[in-house]
C-alpha atoms as a PDB file:
ATOM      1  CA  GLN A   1     -45.878  19.426  62.411  1.00  0.00           C
ATOM      2  CA  VAL A   2     -44.269  16.550  61.450  1.00  0.00           C
ATOM      3  CA  GLN A   3     -42.018  15.982  58.409  1.00  0.00           C
ATOM      4  CA  LEU A   4     -41.884  12.700  56.827  1.00  0.00           C
ATOM      5  CA  VAL A   5     -38.934  11.293  54.456  1.00  0.00           C
ATOM      6  CA  GLU A   6     -39.271   8.096  52.351  1.00  0.00           C
ATOM      7  CA  ALA A   7     -36.074   6.137  51.243  1.00  0.00           C
ATOM      8  CA  GLY A   8     -35.382   2.917  49.600  1.00  0.00           C
ATOM      9  CA  GLY A   9     -37.590   3.040  46.368  1.00  0.00           C
ATOM     10  CA  GLY A  10     -35.869   1.841  43.071  1.00  0.00           C
ATOM     11  CA  LEU A  11     -35.967  -0.406  40.054  1.00  0.00           C
ATOM     12  CA  VAL A  12     -36.164  -4.284  40.878  1.00  0.00           C
ATOM     13  CA  GLN A  13     -36.929  -7.329  38.671  1.00  0.00           C
ATOM     14  CA  ALA A  14     -40.316  -9.323  39.621  1.00  0.00           C
ATOM     15  CA  GLY A  15     -39.746 -11.557  42.397  1.00  0.00           C
ATOM     16  CA  GLY A  16     -37.398  -9.347  44.180  1.00  0.00           C
ATOM     17  CA  SER A  17     -37.234  -7.240  47.104  1.00  0.00           C
ATOM     18  CA  LEU A  18     -37.151  -3.706  48.621  1.00  0.00           C
ATOM     19  CA  ARG A  19     -37.124  -2.406  52.119  1.00  0.00           C
ATOM     20  CA  LEU A  20     -38.779   1.202  52.248  1.00  0.00           C
ATOM     21  CA  SER A  21     -38.154   3.433  55.275  1.00  0.00           C
ATOM     22  CA  CYS A  22     -39.895   6.724  56.531  1.00  0.00           C
ATOM     23  CA  ALA A  23     -37.938   8.831  58.913  1.00  0.00           C
ATOM     24  CA  ALA A  24     -39.996  11.367  60.851  1.00  0.00           C
ATOM     25  CA  SER A  25     -38.934  14.524  62.421  1.00  0.00           C
ATOM     26  CA  GLY A  26     -40.494  17.513  64.180  1.00  0.00           C
ATOM     27  CA  ARG A  27     -43.316  16.692  66.624  1.00  0.00           C
ATOM     28  CA  THR A  28     -42.481  13.089  67.069  1.00  0.00           C
ATOM     29  CA  GLY A  29     -43.315  12.948  70.760  1.00  0.00           C
ATOM     30  CA  SER A  30     -47.077  12.248  69.880  1.00  0.00           C
ATOM     31  CA  ARG A  31     -48.562   8.893  69.273  1.00  0.00           C
ATOM     32  CA  TYR A  32     -48.873   8.421  65.795  1.00  0.00           C
ATOM     33  CA  CYS A  33     -50.307   5.828  63.673  1.00  0.00           C
ATOM     34  CA  MET A  34     -48.229   5.209  60.632  1.00  0.00           C
ATOM     35  CA  GLY A  35     -49.302   4.156  57.135  1.00  0.00           C
ATOM     36  CA  TRP A  36     -48.133   3.477  53.769  1.00  0.00           C
ATOM     37  CA  PHE A  37     -50.064   4.217  50.419  1.00  0.00           C
ATOM     38  CA  ARG A  38     -49.261   3.968  46.965  1.00  0.00           C
ATOM     39  CA  GLN A  39     -50.495   5.528  43.718  1.00  0.00           C
ATOM     40  CA  ALA A  40     -49.754   4.153  40.320  1.00  0.00           C
ATOM     41  CA  PRO A  41     -50.172   6.484  37.139  1.00  0.00           C
ATOM     42  CA  GLY A  42     -53.771   7.190  36.411  1.00  0.00           C
ATOM     43  CA  LYS A  43     -55.096   5.490  39.557  1.00  0.00           C
ATOM     44  CA  GLU A  44     -56.151   6.445  42.767  1.00  0.00           C
ATOM     45  CA  ARG A  45     -54.080   6.372  45.957  1.00  0.00           C
ATOM     46  CA  GLU A  46     -54.656   2.844  47.729  1.00  0.00           C
ATOM     47  CA  PHE A  47     -54.041   1.827  51.000  1.00  0.00           C
ATOM     48  CA  VAL A  48     -51.011  -0.655  51.532  1.00  0.00           C
ATOM     49  CA  ALA A  49     -50.416  -1.092  55.390  1.00  0.00           C
ATOM     50  CA  ALA A  50     -50.757   0.667  58.675  1.00  0.00           C
ATOM     51  CA  ILE A  51     -49.279   0.244  62.180  1.00  0.00           C
ATOM     52  CA  SER A  52     -50.308   1.533  65.440  1.00  0.00           C
ATOM     53  CA  TYR A  53     -48.170   3.460  67.498  1.00  0.00           C
ATOM     54  CA  ASN A  54     -47.029   0.562  69.939  1.00  0.00           C
ATOM     55  CA  GLY A  55     -46.820  -1.628  66.911  1.00  0.00           C
ATOM     56  CA  GLY A  56     -49.367  -4.005  68.470  1.00  0.00           C
ATOM     57  CA  ARG A  57     -51.696  -3.712  65.555  1.00  0.00           C
ATOM     58  CA  THR A  58     -51.003  -3.873  61.844  1.00  0.00           C
ATOM     59  CA  SER A  59     -53.266  -3.826  58.934  1.00  0.00           C
ATOM     60  CA  VAL A  60     -52.242  -4.967  55.279  1.00  0.00           C
ATOM     61  CA  ALA A  61     -54.046  -4.589  52.045  1.00  0.00           C
ATOM     62  CA  ASP A  62     -55.214  -7.846  50.628  1.00  0.00           C
ATOM     63  CA  SER A  63     -53.210  -7.282  47.261  1.00  0.00           C
ATOM     64  CA  VAL A  64     -50.081  -7.268  49.270  1.00  0.00           C
ATOM     65  CA  LYS A  65     -50.996  -9.623  52.185  1.00  0.00           C
ATOM     66  CA  GLY A  66     -48.228 -12.399  52.463  1.00  0.00           C
ATOM     67  CA  ARG A  67     -45.760 -10.388  50.717  1.00  0.00           C
ATOM     68  CA  PHE A  68     -45.405  -7.182  52.324  1.00  0.00           C
ATOM     69  CA  THR A  69     -44.667  -6.361  56.049  1.00  0.00           C
ATOM     70  CA  ILE A  70     -44.959  -3.205  57.964  1.00  0.00           C
ATOM     71  CA  SER A  71     -42.940  -2.458  61.054  1.00  0.00           C
ATOM     72  CA  ARG A  72     -41.599   0.576  63.113  1.00  0.00           C
ATOM     73  CA  ASP A  73     -38.930   1.651  65.485  1.00  0.00           C
ATOM     74  CA  ASN A  74     -40.175   4.482  67.790  1.00  0.00           C
ATOM     75  CA  ALA A  75     -36.508   4.788  69.153  1.00  0.00           C
ATOM     76  CA  LYS A  76     -35.615   5.960  65.486  1.00  0.00           C
ATOM     77  CA  ASN A  77     -38.917   7.585  64.604  1.00  0.00           C
ATOM     78  CA  THR A  78     -38.762   5.277  61.777  1.00  0.00           C
ATOM     79  CA  VAL A  79     -41.316   3.096  59.958  1.00  0.00           C
ATOM     80  CA  TYR A  80     -40.261   0.456  57.426  1.00  0.00           C
ATOM     81  CA  LEU A  81     -42.252  -1.429  54.661  1.00  0.00           C
ATOM     82  CA  GLN A  82     -40.525  -4.834  53.559  1.00  0.00           C
ATOM     83  CA  MET A  83     -41.600  -5.855  50.171  1.00  0.00           C
ATOM     84  CA  ASN A  84     -40.957  -9.301  48.807  1.00  0.00           C
ATOM     85  CA  SER A  85     -42.206 -11.375  45.800  1.00  0.00           C
ATOM     86  CA  LEU A  86     -42.565  -7.849  44.003  1.00  0.00           C
ATOM     87  CA  LYS A  87     -44.924  -7.853  41.091  1.00  0.00           C
ATOM     88  CA  PRO A  88     -44.989  -5.512  38.321  1.00  0.00           C
ATOM     89  CA  GLU A  89     -48.563  -4.406  39.504  1.00  0.00           C
ATOM     90  CA  ASP A  90     -46.759  -3.030  42.465  1.00  0.00           C
ATOM     91  CA  THR A  91     -45.036  -0.348  40.339  1.00  0.00           C
ATOM     92  CA  ALA A  92     -46.212   2.808  42.064  1.00  0.00           C
ATOM     93  CA  ALA A  93     -45.265   5.980  43.908  1.00  0.00           C
ATOM     94  CA  TYR A  94     -45.139   4.873  47.601  1.00  0.00           C
ATOM     95  CA  TYR A  95     -46.101   7.372  50.098  1.00  0.00           C
ATOM     96  CA  CYS A  96     -45.624   7.366  54.179  1.00  0.00           C
ATOM     97  CA  ALA A  97     -48.303   9.247  56.368  1.00  0.00           C
ATOM     98  CA  ALA A  98     -48.875   9.887  59.801  1.00  0.00           C
ATOM     99  CA  THR A  99     -52.166  10.683  62.145  1.00  0.00           C
ATOM    100  CA  ILE A 100     -52.363  10.898  65.829  1.00  0.00           C
ATOM    101  CA  ARG A 101     -54.102   8.095  67.326  1.00  0.00           C
ATOM    102  CA  PRO A 102     -54.055   6.390  70.812  1.00  0.00           C
ATOM    103  CA  PHE A 103     -51.797   3.616  71.370  1.00  0.00           C
ATOM    104  CA  ASN A 104     -53.390   0.577  69.664  1.00  0.00           C
ATOM    105  CA  VAL A 105     -55.239   2.195  66.766  1.00  0.00           C
ATOM    106  CA  VAL A 106     -54.685   1.519  62.960  1.00  0.00           C
ATOM    107  CA  VAL A 107     -56.072   3.915  60.505  1.00  0.00           C
ATOM    108  CA  THR A 108     -56.566   2.584  56.796  1.00  0.00           C
ATOM    109  CA  ALA A 109     -58.445   5.731  55.347  1.00  0.00           C
ATOM    110  CA  SER A 110     -56.017   8.098  53.622  1.00  0.00           C
ATOM    111  CA  GLY A 111     -58.488  11.067  54.534  1.00  0.00           C
ATOM    112  CA  GLN A 112     -57.854  10.470  58.085  1.00  0.00           C
ATOM    113  CA  TYR A 113     -53.962  10.992  57.846  1.00  0.00           C
ATOM    114  CA  THR A 114     -52.717  14.369  58.482  1.00  0.00           C
ATOM    115  CA  PHE A 115     -49.150  14.352  57.639  1.00  0.00           C
ATOM    116  CA  TRP A 116     -47.626  12.841  54.162  1.00  0.00           C
ATOM    117  CA  GLY A 117     -44.292  12.473  52.908  1.00  0.00           C
ATOM    118  CA  GLN A 118     -43.243  13.305  49.347  1.00  0.00           C
ATOM    119  CA  GLY A 119     -43.035   9.699  48.247  1.00  0.00           C
ATOM    120  CA  THR A 120     -40.572   7.199  46.612  1.00  0.00           C
ATOM    121  CA  GLN A 121     -40.932   5.519  43.351  1.00  0.00           C
ATOM    122  CA  VAL A 122     -40.908   1.601  43.097  1.00  0.00           C
ATOM    123  CA  THR A 123     -40.710   0.134  39.578  1.00  0.00           C
ATOM    124  CA  VAL A 124     -40.916  -3.593  39.218  1.00  0.00           C
ATOM    125  CA  SER A 125     -39.825  -4.803  35.677  1.00  0.00           C
ATOM    126  CA  SER A 126     -41.188  -8.049  34.397  1.00  0.00           C
END
């Protein structure tokens, strides 16, 4: 089992920045692809970004490309989501997820992720 704990959410004005973090504990010795998803009220959960175990490959949703950056520090078992130029439509609960994959594989489908965090709320005011 892997436990994921997100942090860094909050209230920010449009145009501002936030940095989310996701700390993993438990069976962190395996090679996990890590992803970020978000869900706004009344909407389905959507993919935001993902990063391979070795950090060599990333994938970012078109809606946030150029504004959001995903990174990871395997020594700290932590993945980050740097969010810049935030917009009101970025308001959502953000979830971290993990799935075991080989070194350089990125997964974007939520159904392929095994472990999920509890989420952290991001609210962007206009």
